[in-house]
N, C-alpha and C. Protein backbone atom coordinates (compact mmCIF):
# COMPACT_ATOMS: atom_id res chain seq x y z
N UNK A 1 1.95 -5.60 5.00
CA UNK A 1 0.69 -6.28 5.23
C UNK A 1 0.20 -6.02 6.66
N UNK A 2 1.09 -6.20 7.63
CA UNK A 2 0.68 -6.01 9.03
C UNK A 2 0.29 -4.57 9.32
N UNK A 3 0.97 -3.62 8.71
CA UNK A 3 0.63 -2.22 8.93
C UNK A 3 -0.77 -1.88 8.46
N UNK A 4 -1.22 -2.53 7.41
CA UNK A 4 -2.54 -2.24 6.84
C UNK A 4 -3.65 -2.45 7.86
N UNK A 5 -3.47 -3.39 8.78
CA UNK A 5 -4.48 -3.67 9.79
C UNK A 5 -4.73 -2.52 10.74
N UNK A 6 -3.81 -1.57 10.79
CA UNK A 6 -3.96 -0.41 11.67
C UNK A 6 -4.62 0.77 10.98
N UNK A 7 -4.97 0.61 9.71
CA UNK A 7 -5.55 1.71 8.93
C UNK A 7 -6.80 1.22 8.21
N UNK A 8 -7.70 2.14 7.94
CA UNK A 8 -8.94 1.81 7.22
C UNK A 8 -8.66 1.85 5.72
N UNK A 9 -7.85 0.88 5.27
CA UNK A 9 -7.51 0.77 3.85
C UNK A 9 -7.77 -0.65 3.40
N UNK A 10 -7.97 -0.81 2.12
CA UNK A 10 -8.06 -2.13 1.52
C UNK A 10 -7.15 -2.13 0.30
N UNK A 11 -6.76 -3.31 -0.14
CA UNK A 11 -5.90 -3.38 -1.31
C UNK A 11 -5.02 -4.60 -1.29
N UNK A 12 -3.89 -4.48 -1.99
CA UNK A 12 -2.97 -5.60 -2.13
C UNK A 12 -1.52 -5.13 -2.07
N UNK A 13 -0.64 -6.06 -1.80
CA UNK A 13 0.80 -5.84 -1.90
C UNK A 13 1.39 -7.09 -2.53
N UNK A 14 2.40 -6.89 -3.40
CA UNK A 14 3.04 -8.04 -4.02
C UNK A 14 4.48 -7.73 -4.36
N UNK A 15 5.31 -8.77 -4.34
CA UNK A 15 6.69 -8.68 -4.79
C UNK A 15 6.72 -8.92 -6.29
N UNK A 16 7.35 -8.02 -7.02
CA UNK A 16 7.44 -8.13 -8.48
C UNK A 16 8.73 -8.85 -8.87
N UNK A 17 8.76 -9.39 -10.07
CA UNK A 17 9.91 -10.14 -10.55
C UNK A 17 11.18 -9.30 -10.61
N UNK A 18 11.05 -7.98 -10.79
CA UNK A 18 12.23 -7.12 -10.89
C UNK A 18 12.77 -6.68 -9.53
N UNK A 19 12.20 -7.20 -8.44
CA UNK A 19 12.66 -6.87 -7.11
C UNK A 19 11.90 -5.73 -6.46
N UNK A 20 11.03 -5.08 -7.21
CA UNK A 20 10.23 -4.00 -6.65
C UNK A 20 9.01 -4.57 -5.92
N UNK A 21 8.33 -3.72 -5.23
CA UNK A 21 7.11 -4.10 -4.52
C UNK A 21 5.99 -3.19 -5.00
N UNK A 22 4.85 -3.78 -5.33
CA UNK A 22 3.69 -3.01 -5.75
C UNK A 22 2.67 -3.02 -4.63
N UNK A 23 2.25 -1.84 -4.22
CA UNK A 23 1.26 -1.68 -3.17
C UNK A 23 0.08 -0.92 -3.75
N UNK A 24 -1.10 -1.47 -3.63
CA UNK A 24 -2.33 -0.81 -4.05
C UNK A 24 -3.18 -0.63 -2.80
N UNK A 25 -3.52 0.62 -2.49
CA UNK A 25 -4.31 0.89 -1.29
C UNK A 25 -5.47 1.81 -1.64
N UNK A 26 -6.65 1.45 -1.17
CA UNK A 26 -7.84 2.26 -1.36
C UNK A 26 -8.42 2.62 0.00
N UNK A 27 -9.06 3.77 0.04
CA UNK A 27 -9.72 4.22 1.25
C UNK A 27 -9.80 5.73 1.25
N UNK A 28 -10.20 6.30 2.37
CA UNK A 28 -10.22 7.74 2.53
C UNK A 28 -8.82 8.29 2.25
N UNK A 29 -8.73 9.41 1.54
CA UNK A 29 -7.43 9.96 1.13
C UNK A 29 -6.49 10.17 2.32
N UNK A 30 -7.00 10.69 3.43
CA UNK A 30 -6.16 10.92 4.60
C UNK A 30 -5.67 9.60 5.20
N UNK A 31 -6.52 8.60 5.19
CA UNK A 31 -6.15 7.29 5.74
C UNK A 31 -5.10 6.61 4.86
N UNK A 32 -5.26 6.70 3.56
CA UNK A 32 -4.27 6.12 2.63
C UNK A 32 -2.94 6.85 2.80
N UNK A 33 -2.97 8.17 2.89
CA UNK A 33 -1.73 8.94 3.09
C UNK A 33 -1.03 8.55 4.38
N UNK A 34 -1.79 8.39 5.45
CA UNK A 34 -1.21 7.98 6.73
C UNK A 34 -0.61 6.58 6.63
N UNK A 35 -1.29 5.69 5.93
CA UNK A 35 -0.79 4.33 5.74
C UNK A 35 0.52 4.33 4.96
N UNK A 36 0.56 5.08 3.86
CA UNK A 36 1.78 5.14 3.04
C UNK A 36 2.93 5.76 3.85
N UNK A 37 2.64 6.78 4.64
CA UNK A 37 3.66 7.38 5.49
C UNK A 37 4.18 6.37 6.51
N UNK A 38 3.30 5.55 7.06
CA UNK A 38 3.71 4.52 8.02
C UNK A 38 4.58 3.47 7.35
N UNK A 39 4.22 3.07 6.15
CA UNK A 39 5.04 2.10 5.40
C UNK A 39 6.42 2.68 5.16
N UNK A 40 6.47 3.92 4.71
CA UNK A 40 7.74 4.58 4.45
C UNK A 40 8.56 4.72 5.73
N UNK A 41 7.91 5.09 6.82
CA UNK A 41 8.60 5.24 8.09
C UNK A 41 9.15 3.93 8.62
N UNK A 42 8.38 2.87 8.48
CA UNK A 42 8.78 1.56 9.01
C UNK A 42 9.79 0.86 8.11
N UNK A 43 9.62 0.99 6.80
CA UNK A 43 10.45 0.23 5.85
C UNK A 43 11.37 1.11 5.01
N UNK A 44 11.48 2.38 5.37
CA UNK A 44 12.25 3.33 4.58
C UNK A 44 13.68 2.91 4.27
N UNK A 45 14.31 2.19 5.16
CA UNK A 45 15.70 1.77 4.91
C UNK A 45 15.79 0.72 3.80
N UNK A 46 14.67 0.11 3.43
CA UNK A 46 14.64 -0.87 2.35
C UNK A 46 14.14 -0.27 1.03
N UNK A 47 13.68 0.97 1.06
CA UNK A 47 13.07 1.60 -0.11
C UNK A 47 14.07 2.50 -0.80
N UNK A 48 14.36 2.19 -2.07
CA UNK A 48 15.26 3.02 -2.87
C UNK A 48 14.51 4.19 -3.50
N UNK A 49 13.31 3.96 -3.95
CA UNK A 49 12.49 5.01 -4.55
C UNK A 49 11.03 4.63 -4.45
N UNK A 50 10.18 5.64 -4.52
CA UNK A 50 8.74 5.42 -4.47
C UNK A 50 8.08 6.26 -5.54
N UNK A 51 7.01 5.74 -6.09
CA UNK A 51 6.16 6.53 -6.97
C UNK A 51 4.72 6.20 -6.63
N UNK A 52 3.83 7.13 -6.91
CA UNK A 52 2.44 6.88 -6.60
C UNK A 52 1.55 7.46 -7.69
N UNK A 53 0.38 6.89 -7.79
CA UNK A 53 -0.63 7.34 -8.73
C UNK A 53 -1.95 7.44 -7.99
N UNK A 54 -2.59 8.58 -8.09
CA UNK A 54 -3.91 8.74 -7.49
C UNK A 54 -4.97 8.42 -8.54
N UNK A 55 -5.95 7.65 -8.14
CA UNK A 55 -7.04 7.28 -9.04
C UNK A 55 -8.29 7.03 -8.19
N UNK A 56 -9.45 7.13 -8.79
CA UNK A 56 -10.66 6.80 -8.05
C UNK A 56 -10.62 5.35 -7.56
N UNK A 57 -11.17 5.11 -6.40
CA UNK A 57 -11.20 3.74 -5.86
C UNK A 57 -12.01 2.84 -6.77
N UNK A 58 -11.50 1.63 -6.98
CA UNK A 58 -12.19 0.68 -7.84
C UNK A 58 -13.31 -0.04 -7.11
N UNK A 59 -13.17 -0.15 -5.79
CA UNK A 59 -14.16 -0.87 -5.00
C UNK A 59 -14.03 -2.38 -5.09
N UNK A 60 -13.00 -2.86 -5.78
CA UNK A 60 -12.85 -4.31 -5.96
C UNK A 60 -12.12 -4.99 -4.81
N UNK A 61 -11.56 -4.21 -3.91
CA UNK A 61 -10.80 -4.80 -2.80
C UNK A 61 -11.66 -4.85 -1.54
N UNK A 62 -11.55 -5.95 -0.82
CA UNK A 62 -12.23 -6.14 0.44
C UNK A 62 -11.18 -6.65 1.42
N UNK A 63 -10.71 -5.80 2.28
CA UNK A 63 -9.62 -6.15 3.16
C UNK A 63 -8.29 -5.90 2.46
N UNK A 64 -7.23 -6.38 3.08
CA UNK A 64 -5.89 -6.19 2.54
C UNK A 64 -5.22 -7.55 2.48
N UNK A 65 -4.59 -7.86 1.34
CA UNK A 65 -3.98 -9.18 1.22
C UNK A 65 -2.71 -9.14 0.37
N UNK A 66 -1.92 -10.17 0.49
CA UNK A 66 -0.72 -10.37 -0.31
C UNK A 66 -1.13 -11.16 -1.55
N UNK A 67 -0.68 -10.72 -2.72
CA UNK A 67 -0.99 -11.42 -3.97
C UNK A 67 0.31 -11.87 -4.64
N UNK A 68 0.16 -12.69 -5.65
CA UNK A 68 1.33 -13.17 -6.43
C UNK A 68 1.61 -12.24 -7.56
């Protein structure tokens, strides 16, 4: 969540019941890539695996927040 403030991204992050974390980020492709790289760099020791899906931005996010 805190890292998102340093990048021009919007979206959500949430802890899932299975122990995984879901991160949805929208923005310029380069900015999203830089944000994901920063998350991986900062939290990599806690990450067992990552997967990503590219899709057109929905435009439904305004800012970045934690959801349930």
